[in-house]
Amino acid sequence: MKAEILATGDEIRSGALVDSNSAYISELLEQHGIEVVRHTSVGDVMPILVKTLREIGDRADVAVVTGGLGPTTDDLSAEAAAKAIGVELAFDSRAMENVASFFKKVNRPMGESNRKQAFLPTGCKVLYNPVGTAPGFALTIKRCRFFFLPGVPYEMKRMLADQVIPDMRALKGDEHIHSRVRTITTFGLPESLAGEKMAGVEAAFPGIKLGLRANFPLIQVKFYSRDEDAARLDKRLDDAGRWAIERLGSAVVSEAGESMEAVVGHLLTAQSATLALAESCTGGLVANWLTNVAGSSNYFLFSGVTYSNEAKMKVLGVRQATLEKYGAVHEETAREMAEGARQVAGATYGLSTSGIAGPDGGTPDKPVGTVCIGVATPDRAFGRRLTFRFGKRLMNKKIFAVAALDLLRKELLDKK
């Protein structure tokens, strides 16, 4: 079964809004053995929308369309779908009930413009939206079954899982093709070098397709494969995974595609350990990432964004003599920051960052891209200096934060 995804809206077409929906839909469909062969994005122009729907109808077995189901005049998906199959829009009482029930649930008055959302192509199947105002719908255009969903991600995800996937699986019937994606997260290798290390994997393991995804500063190595035999498919991916891990070596952060912060969280949990942070140049970024992981309250105790030298001394107990001798960006300063955070919070581990994110402020001895990371453990405390050659401030902040977590990760692995 071949699938296509169509993202609509001028904000998507123009790049003003990142289309995360299509990536999510693709991944979920692939997990259910439905091959996604094309992504398309079009703006809010009726003739182009109608033409695109008909073209997809000629090519695909199923399609998911996101966006254009709202109450405003530039929400054109329902009308475009009706034109594509030559029918009129008709008022649907079930759709109207969906719209009205949402406003009743949130105790807000419904605007007159929201009635527009209940006008759907004649003969379509209404898809109930339990978390928003916009009902979706399904219909067939030429050879393809289309599912029209809202562009709001949490609404789309709920409807996709509850209604679209079951319908697609029923359409798929006896076509038992299993699809898997195996992801390995790495840090410390540029994408080009990761690609070189993976050269030959498709020849060594027929049926494997290699993909590399850069999520700066991490690189994800992805193996895609499909097979009628699930056991054979899993073995192929396991064998390819071991092959890749051997070649990637110490750059491997997670064999299951997890983020750096999730891996650190798992290691802290396994040791019943806790963590405190002292951030300067990263401005709370490490804390933000760690607390995005569910369950982080079990191990994350404290974060101090001690940007000024005065804060480093008053909050963390960094010695004035250290700052006068070495400055804020130095291994010794970072070490004392980590020790101070650990002591203030009573944590098992302390982690600190102090650096020069740029674009200004560098010196010949400490150029832009320099970061000093401190780690304090129950047994010792130390600082490390690293230099990255990125001129952009946000890029430097991200790689500083990941490098700090990676240093802690390696320390935690040594304790296992």
Protein backbone atom coordinates (compact mmCIF):
# COMPACT_ATOMS: atom_id res chain seq x y z
CA MET A 1 0.00 0.00 0.00
CA LYS A 2 1.43 3.35 -1.13
CA ALA A 3 0.70 6.50 0.85
CA GLU A 4 1.21 10.20 0.27
CA ILE A 5 1.02 13.14 2.66
CA LEU A 6 -0.23 16.60 1.74
CA ALA A 7 0.39 19.56 4.06
CA THR A 8 -1.70 22.63 3.21
CA GLY A 9 -1.46 26.28 4.16
CA ASP A 10 0.52 29.34 3.15
CA GLU A 11 2.38 29.26 6.46
CA ILE A 12 3.68 25.78 5.62
CA ARG A 13 4.40 26.53 1.97
CA SER A 14 6.30 29.74 2.80
CA GLY A 15 8.38 28.21 5.59
CA ALA A 16 6.88 30.44 8.28
CA LEU A 17 5.80 27.28 10.10
CA VAL A 18 7.82 24.07 10.26
CA ASP A 19 5.84 21.07 9.01
CA SER A 20 6.36 18.58 11.85
CA ASN A 21 3.03 16.88 11.10
CA SER A 22 4.20 15.16 7.93
CA ALA A 23 7.24 13.67 9.66
CA TYR A 24 5.07 12.32 12.47
CA ILE A 25 2.49 10.86 10.08
CA SER A 26 5.19 9.23 7.95
CA GLU A 27 6.82 7.56 10.92
CA LEU A 28 3.53 6.20 12.24
CA LEU A 29 2.37 4.91 8.85
CA GLU A 30 5.72 3.22 8.24
CA GLN A 31 5.44 1.49 11.61
CA HIS A 32 2.17 0.00 10.39
CA GLY A 33 3.69 -1.28 7.17
CA ILE A 34 2.28 1.51 4.98
CA GLU A 35 4.97 2.90 2.69
CA VAL A 36 5.02 6.68 2.36
CA VAL A 37 6.28 7.56 -1.10
CA ARG A 38 5.83 11.33 -1.27
CA HIS A 39 5.31 14.52 0.77
CA THR A 40 3.70 17.56 -0.85
CA SER A 41 3.07 21.07 0.45
CA VAL A 42 0.75 23.61 -1.16
CA GLY A 43 -0.60 26.99 -0.16
CA ASP A 44 -4.15 28.27 0.17
CA VAL A 45 -4.92 28.51 -3.54
CA MET A 46 -8.04 26.65 -4.66
CA PRO A 47 -7.02 25.62 -8.21
CA ILE A 48 -3.67 24.28 -7.00
CA LEU A 49 -5.30 22.39 -4.13
CA VAL A 50 -7.85 20.74 -6.41
CA LYS A 51 -5.21 19.83 -9.00
CA THR A 52 -2.92 18.39 -6.32
CA LEU A 53 -5.68 16.26 -4.80
CA ARG A 54 -6.54 14.80 -8.20
CA GLU A 55 -2.87 14.08 -8.97
CA ILE A 56 -2.45 12.24 -5.66
CA GLY A 57 -5.70 10.42 -6.38
CA ASP A 58 -4.13 9.01 -9.55
CA ARG A 59 -0.97 7.79 -7.79
CA ALA A 60 -1.56 6.70 -4.21
CA ASP A 61 -3.65 4.12 -2.40
CA VAL A 62 -4.14 6.27 0.70
CA ALA A 63 -3.34 9.87 1.58
CA VAL A 64 -3.39 12.06 4.67
CA VAL A 65 -4.09 15.78 4.25
CA THR A 66 -3.45 18.20 7.11
CA GLY A 67 -4.69 21.76 7.55
CA GLY A 68 -7.41 23.90 6.06
CA LEU A 69 -10.31 22.73 8.25
CA GLY A 70 -10.71 25.88 10.34
CA PRO A 71 -13.47 28.53 10.34
CA THR A 72 -11.73 31.23 8.30
CA THR A 73 -11.95 32.06 4.60
CA ASP A 74 -8.46 30.68 3.85
CA ASP A 75 -9.42 27.23 5.18
CA LEU A 76 -10.14 25.55 1.86
CA SER A 77 -9.66 21.80 2.29
CA ALA A 78 -13.33 20.79 2.43
CA GLU A 79 -14.28 22.88 -0.61
CA ALA A 80 -11.21 21.70 -2.55
CA ALA A 81 -12.06 18.05 -1.83
CA ALA A 82 -15.64 18.58 -2.98
CA LYS A 83 -14.47 20.19 -6.22
CA ALA A 84 -11.97 17.36 -6.79
CA ILE A 85 -14.80 14.80 -6.93
CA GLY A 86 -17.48 17.06 -8.39
CA VAL A 87 -19.89 17.31 -5.44
CA GLU A 88 -21.27 20.16 -3.35
CA LEU A 89 -20.58 21.00 0.25
CA ALA A 90 -23.45 20.01 2.52
CA PHE A 91 -24.27 20.85 6.13
CA ASP A 92 -23.56 17.80 8.30
CA SER A 93 -25.35 17.65 11.64
CA ARG A 94 -22.81 15.18 13.06
CA ALA A 95 -19.98 17.57 12.25
CA MET A 96 -21.94 20.47 13.76
CA GLU A 97 -22.44 18.46 16.93
CA ASN A 98 -18.67 17.89 17.07
CA VAL A 99 -17.97 21.62 16.77
CA ALA A 100 -20.63 22.64 19.30
CA SER A 101 -19.64 19.99 21.84
CA PHE A 102 -16.08 21.32 21.99
CA PHE A 103 -17.23 24.85 22.85
CA LYS A 104 -19.62 23.45 25.44
CA LYS A 105 -16.80 21.41 26.96
CA VAL A 106 -14.54 24.46 27.37
CA ASN A 107 -17.47 26.68 28.43
CA ARG A 108 -17.00 29.20 25.64
CA PRO A 109 -19.54 30.65 23.19
CA MET A 110 -19.33 29.35 19.65
CA GLY A 111 -18.77 31.95 16.95
CA GLU A 112 -21.01 32.05 13.90
CA SER A 113 -17.96 31.47 11.67
CA ASN A 114 -17.48 28.03 13.24
CA ARG A 115 -20.60 26.80 11.43
CA LYS A 116 -18.40 26.71 8.32
CA GLN A 117 -16.62 23.68 9.80
CA ALA A 118 -19.80 21.62 9.55
CA PHE A 119 -20.04 22.02 5.77
CA LEU A 120 -18.30 18.98 4.30
CA PRO A 121 -18.26 17.22 0.91
CA THR A 122 -21.50 15.37 0.23
CA GLY A 123 -21.18 11.66 1.01
CA CYS A 124 -17.93 11.87 3.01
CA LYS A 125 -17.26 10.01 6.24
CA VAL A 126 -16.99 12.40 9.22
CA LEU A 127 -13.94 11.93 11.46
CA TYR A 128 -14.75 13.00 15.02
CA ASN A 129 -12.34 15.45 16.68
CA PRO A 130 -12.41 14.87 20.47
CA VAL A 131 -9.91 17.61 21.33
CA GLY A 132 -10.65 20.49 18.96
CA THR A 133 -13.25 22.33 16.92
CA ALA A 134 -12.44 20.97 13.47
CA PRO A 135 -13.99 17.65 12.46
CA GLY A 136 -12.09 15.76 9.80
CA PHE A 137 -13.46 13.65 7.00
CA ALA A 138 -12.58 10.80 4.65
CA LEU A 139 -13.51 10.27 1.01
CA THR A 140 -12.22 8.66 -2.16
CA ILE A 141 -10.73 10.67 -5.00
CA LYS A 142 -10.12 8.51 -8.05
CA ARG A 143 -8.25 5.41 -6.78
CA CYS A 144 -7.09 6.90 -3.46
CA ARG A 145 -8.73 7.01 -0.03
CA PHE A 146 -8.08 10.44 1.51
CA PHE A 147 -8.16 11.34 5.21
CA PHE A 148 -8.43 15.06 5.97
CA LEU A 149 -7.18 16.07 9.44
CA PRO A 150 -6.65 19.37 11.31
CA GLY A 151 -3.23 20.99 11.18
CA VAL A 152 -3.03 21.42 14.97
CA PRO A 153 -0.54 18.68 15.92
CA TYR A 154 -2.21 17.30 19.06
CA GLU A 155 -5.58 17.16 17.30
CA MET A 156 -4.05 15.49 14.25
CA LYS A 157 -2.18 12.90 16.33
CA ARG A 158 -5.26 11.87 18.30
CA MET A 159 -7.44 11.47 15.22
CA LEU A 160 -4.70 9.72 13.27
CA ALA A 161 -4.25 7.08 15.96
CA ASP A 162 -7.91 6.58 16.85
CA GLN A 163 -9.58 6.71 13.44
CA VAL A 164 -7.22 6.89 10.46
CA ILE A 165 -4.80 4.08 11.27
CA PRO A 166 -7.59 1.56 11.97
CA ASP A 167 -9.26 2.46 8.65
CA MET A 168 -5.97 2.17 6.78
CA ARG A 169 -5.26 -1.22 8.34
CA ALA A 170 -8.69 -2.41 7.24
CA LEU A 171 -7.99 -1.20 3.70
CA LYS A 172 -4.62 -2.91 3.78
CA GLY A 173 -6.34 -6.20 4.56
CA ASP A 174 -4.20 -9.31 4.00
CA GLU A 175 -1.16 -7.37 2.84
CA HIS A 176 1.05 -8.32 5.79
CA ILE A 177 4.15 -6.25 5.22
CA HIS A 178 6.04 -5.43 8.40
CA SER A 179 8.01 -2.21 8.54
CA ARG A 180 10.66 -1.22 11.06
CA VAL A 181 13.06 1.64 11.71
CA ARG A 182 16.15 1.16 13.87
CA THR A 183 17.80 4.36 15.14
CA ILE A 184 21.24 4.85 16.68
CA THR A 185 22.04 8.24 18.24
CA THR A 186 25.63 9.50 17.98
CA PHE A 187 27.58 12.52 19.16
CA GLY A 188 31.02 13.72 18.13
CA LEU A 189 30.97 12.69 14.48
CA PRO A 190 30.13 15.04 11.61
CA GLU A 191 27.40 13.74 9.32
CA SER A 192 29.86 13.13 6.50
CA LEU A 193 32.09 10.92 8.67
CA ALA A 194 29.11 9.03 10.07
CA GLY A 195 28.06 8.38 6.46
CA GLU A 196 31.52 7.13 5.57
CA LYS A 197 31.52 4.72 8.51
CA MET A 198 28.14 3.37 7.36
CA ALA A 199 29.26 2.89 3.75
CA GLY A 200 28.56 -0.66 2.65
CA VAL A 201 25.74 -1.43 5.07
CA GLU A 202 23.14 -1.78 2.32
CA ALA A 203 25.36 -4.22 0.43
CA ALA A 204 26.21 -6.18 3.58
CA PHE A 205 22.56 -6.44 4.64
CA PRO A 206 20.24 -6.62 1.62
CA GLY A 207 16.87 -5.14 2.43
CA ILE A 208 18.33 -2.39 4.64
CA LYS A 209 18.02 1.23 3.60
CA LEU A 210 20.33 3.73 5.32
CA GLY A 211 19.27 7.20 6.40
CA LEU A 212 21.18 9.88 8.32
CA ARG A 213 19.36 12.57 10.27
CA ALA A 214 21.20 15.58 11.64
CA ASN A 215 19.62 17.02 14.79
CA PHE A 216 22.46 19.35 15.68
CA PRO A 217 24.70 18.49 17.34
CA LEU A 218 23.56 14.86 17.33
CA ILE A 219 23.52 12.57 14.30
CA GLN A 220 20.99 9.76 14.09
CA VAL A 221 21.84 6.73 11.98
CA LYS A 222 18.62 5.14 10.76
CA PHE A 223 18.05 1.74 9.18
CA TYR A 224 14.74 1.20 7.37
CA SER A 225 13.54 -2.22 6.32
CA ARG A 226 10.36 -4.03 5.28
CA ASP A 227 9.55 -7.74 5.11
CA GLU A 228 6.64 -10.17 5.16
CA ASP A 229 8.44 -12.16 7.88
CA ALA A 230 8.66 -10.18 11.15
CA ALA A 231 11.31 -12.44 12.73
CA ARG A 232 13.53 -12.21 9.65
CA LEU A 233 13.06 -8.44 9.61
CA ASP A 234 14.05 -8.05 13.26
CA LYS A 235 17.14 -10.24 12.82
CA ARG A 236 18.25 -8.22 9.79
CA LEU A 237 17.94 -4.97 11.75
CA ASP A 238 19.68 -6.46 14.82
CA ASP A 239 22.60 -7.65 12.69
CA ALA A 240 22.89 -4.31 10.92
CA GLY A 241 22.69 -2.52 14.27
CA ARG A 242 25.57 -4.50 15.72
CA TRP A 243 27.59 -3.87 12.56
CA ALA A 244 26.97 -0.13 12.86
CA ILE A 245 27.68 0.12 16.58
CA GLU A 246 31.05 -1.58 16.10
CA ARG A 247 32.04 0.98 13.47
CA LEU A 248 30.67 4.02 15.26
CA GLY A 249 32.43 3.09 18.50
CA SER A 250 32.49 5.61 21.33
CA ALA A 251 30.36 8.06 19.34
CA VAL A 252 27.27 5.94 20.09
CA VAL A 253 25.05 7.62 22.67
CA SER A 254 21.99 5.41 22.37
CA GLU A 255 21.36 2.16 20.52
CA ALA A 256 17.63 2.89 20.70
CA GLY A 257 17.63 6.38 19.18
CA GLU A 258 17.14 8.22 22.48
CA SER A 259 18.26 11.77 23.19
CA MET A 260 21.35 12.57 25.22
CA GLU A 261 19.25 13.88 28.13
CA ALA A 262 17.11 10.74 28.19
CA VAL A 263 20.19 8.52 28.30
CA VAL A 264 21.69 10.53 31.16
CA GLY A 265 18.36 10.27 32.98
CA HIS A 266 18.33 6.48 32.60
CA LEU A 267 21.87 6.23 33.98
CA LEU A 268 21.08 8.46 36.97
CA THR A 269 17.94 6.45 37.70
CA ALA A 270 19.79 3.15 37.48
CA GLN A 271 22.25 4.38 40.10
CA SER A 272 19.58 6.03 42.29
CA ALA A 273 21.68 9.16 41.84
CA THR A 274 20.74 12.84 41.71
CA LEU A 275 22.06 15.81 39.76
CA ALA A 276 22.54 19.54 40.29
CA LEU A 277 23.53 22.03 37.59
CA ALA A 278 25.42 25.30 37.47
CA GLU A 279 25.08 26.92 34.05
CA SER A 280 26.65 30.08 32.76
CA CYS A 281 27.07 30.13 28.95
CA THR A 282 24.22 27.65 28.34
CA GLY A 283 21.75 29.83 30.24
CA GLY A 284 19.58 27.01 31.57
CA LEU A 285 19.50 24.96 28.36
CA VAL A 286 20.78 21.80 30.05
CA ALA A 287 18.13 22.10 32.76
CA ASN A 288 15.44 22.66 30.16
CA TRP A 289 16.39 19.53 28.24
CA LEU A 290 16.64 17.38 31.35
CA THR A 291 13.24 18.46 32.63
CA ASN A 292 11.65 17.72 29.26
CA VAL A 293 12.17 14.03 30.10
CA ALA A 294 9.29 12.44 31.98
CA GLY A 295 10.37 11.28 35.42
CA SER A 296 13.25 13.76 35.71
CA SER A 297 11.95 14.88 39.11
CA ASN A 298 13.33 11.61 40.46
CA TYR A 299 16.92 12.67 39.84
CA PHE A 300 17.08 16.38 38.97
CA LEU A 301 17.38 18.58 42.07
CA PHE A 302 18.70 22.04 41.26
CA SER A 303 19.81 24.43 38.55
CA GLY A 304 21.56 27.75 39.03
CA VAL A 305 22.11 30.03 36.03
CA THR A 306 25.07 31.83 37.55
CA TYR A 307 25.90 34.16 34.69
CA SER A 308 27.85 36.78 36.63
CA ASN A 309 30.99 36.25 38.66
CA GLU A 310 29.17 37.60 41.69
CA ALA A 311 26.52 34.89 41.35
CA LYS A 312 29.19 32.23 40.94
CA MET A 313 30.71 33.33 44.25
CA LYS A 314 27.55 34.00 46.26
CA VAL A 315 25.44 31.05 45.09
CA LEU A 316 28.04 28.39 44.33
CA GLY A 317 30.93 29.39 46.54
CA VAL A 318 33.45 29.81 43.72
CA ARG A 319 36.50 31.46 45.23
CA GLN A 320 37.24 35.06 44.28
CA ALA A 321 40.91 34.14 43.96
CA THR A 322 40.03 31.52 41.35
CA LEU A 323 38.10 34.03 39.26
CA GLU A 324 40.83 36.66 39.58
CA LYS A 325 43.55 34.19 38.58
CA TYR A 326 41.80 32.20 35.83
CA GLY A 327 38.66 34.10 34.85
CA ALA A 328 35.13 32.77 34.46
CA VAL A 329 35.97 30.53 31.52
CA HIS A 330 38.47 28.06 32.93
CA GLU A 331 38.59 24.43 33.98
CA GLU A 332 39.23 25.32 37.61
CA THR A 333 36.28 27.72 37.71
CA ALA A 334 34.03 25.10 36.12
CA ARG A 335 35.22 22.52 38.66
CA GLU A 336 34.37 24.79 41.59
CA MET A 337 30.99 25.61 40.03
CA ALA A 338 30.14 21.91 39.77
CA GLU A 339 31.28 21.28 43.36
CA GLY A 340 29.25 24.23 44.57
CA ALA A 341 26.08 23.08 42.80
CA ARG A 342 26.48 19.58 44.19
CA GLN A 343 26.92 20.89 47.74
CA VAL A 344 24.10 23.44 47.57
CA ALA A 345 21.61 20.80 46.42
CA GLY A 346 23.00 17.81 48.28
CA ALA A 347 23.15 15.95 44.95
CA THR A 348 25.18 12.92 43.99
CA TYR A 349 26.62 14.72 40.95
CA GLY A 350 27.25 18.32 39.97
CA LEU A 351 27.63 19.52 36.38
CA SER A 352 28.63 22.99 35.19
CA THR A 353 29.21 24.99 32.02
CA SER A 354 31.12 28.22 31.46
CA GLY A 355 32.19 29.38 28.02
CA ILE A 356 32.16 31.89 25.19
CA ALA A 357 29.18 31.36 22.92
CA GLY A 358 29.90 34.38 20.72
CA PRO A 359 29.72 35.89 18.29
CA ASP A 360 31.94 38.29 20.27
CA GLY A 361 34.03 37.98 23.42
CA GLY A 362 36.72 35.58 22.25
CA THR A 363 40.47 35.98 22.73
CA PRO A 364 43.44 34.17 21.16
CA ASP A 365 43.67 31.95 24.26
CA LYS A 366 39.90 31.50 24.59
CA PRO A 367 38.30 31.87 21.16
CA VAL A 368 34.57 31.91 20.53
CA GLY A 369 33.40 28.31 20.88
CA THR A 370 35.42 27.60 24.02
CA VAL A 371 33.56 25.86 26.84
CA CYS A 372 34.78 24.65 30.20
CA ILE A 373 32.76 21.86 31.79
CA GLY A 374 32.93 20.83 35.41
CA VAL A 375 31.89 17.49 36.87
CA ALA A 376 31.68 16.78 40.60
CA THR A 377 31.12 13.22 41.84
CA PRO A 378 31.15 11.66 45.31
CA ASP A 379 34.80 10.76 44.70
CA ARG A 380 36.33 13.62 42.74
CA ALA A 381 35.78 16.84 40.84
CA PHE A 382 37.40 17.92 37.59
CA GLY A 383 37.13 20.37 34.72
CA ARG A 384 37.58 19.95 30.97
CA ARG A 385 38.10 22.53 28.23
CA LEU A 386 36.70 21.97 24.73
CA THR A 387 36.68 24.22 21.68
CA PHE A 388 34.09 24.13 18.91
CA ARG A 389 34.37 26.19 15.73
CA PHE A 390 30.84 27.48 15.31
CA GLY A 391 30.30 31.19 14.84
CA LYS A 392 26.61 31.16 15.75
CA ARG A 393 25.66 31.71 19.36
CA LEU A 394 22.75 29.27 19.51
CA MET A 395 24.75 26.50 17.83
CA ASN A 396 27.50 26.94 20.39
CA LYS A 397 25.04 26.90 23.29
CA LYS A 398 23.53 23.65 22.01
CA ILE A 399 26.83 21.88 21.49
CA PHE A 400 28.13 23.13 24.86
CA ALA A 401 25.03 21.67 26.55
CA VAL A 402 25.29 18.32 24.78
CA ALA A 403 29.03 18.12 25.42
CA ALA A 404 28.44 18.69 29.14
CA LEU A 405 25.81 15.95 29.29
CA ASP A 406 28.09 13.65 27.31
CA LEU A 407 30.93 14.15 29.77
CA LEU A 408 28.56 13.29 32.61
CA ARG A 409 27.24 10.30 30.64
CA LYS A 410 30.72 8.86 30.30
CA GLU A 411 31.39 9.41 33.99
CA LEU A 412 28.15 7.59 34.86
CA LEU A 413 29.04 4.70 32.53
CA ASP A 414 32.34 4.30 34.38
CA LYS A 415 30.36 3.87 37.61
CA LYS A 416 28.21 1.01 36.28
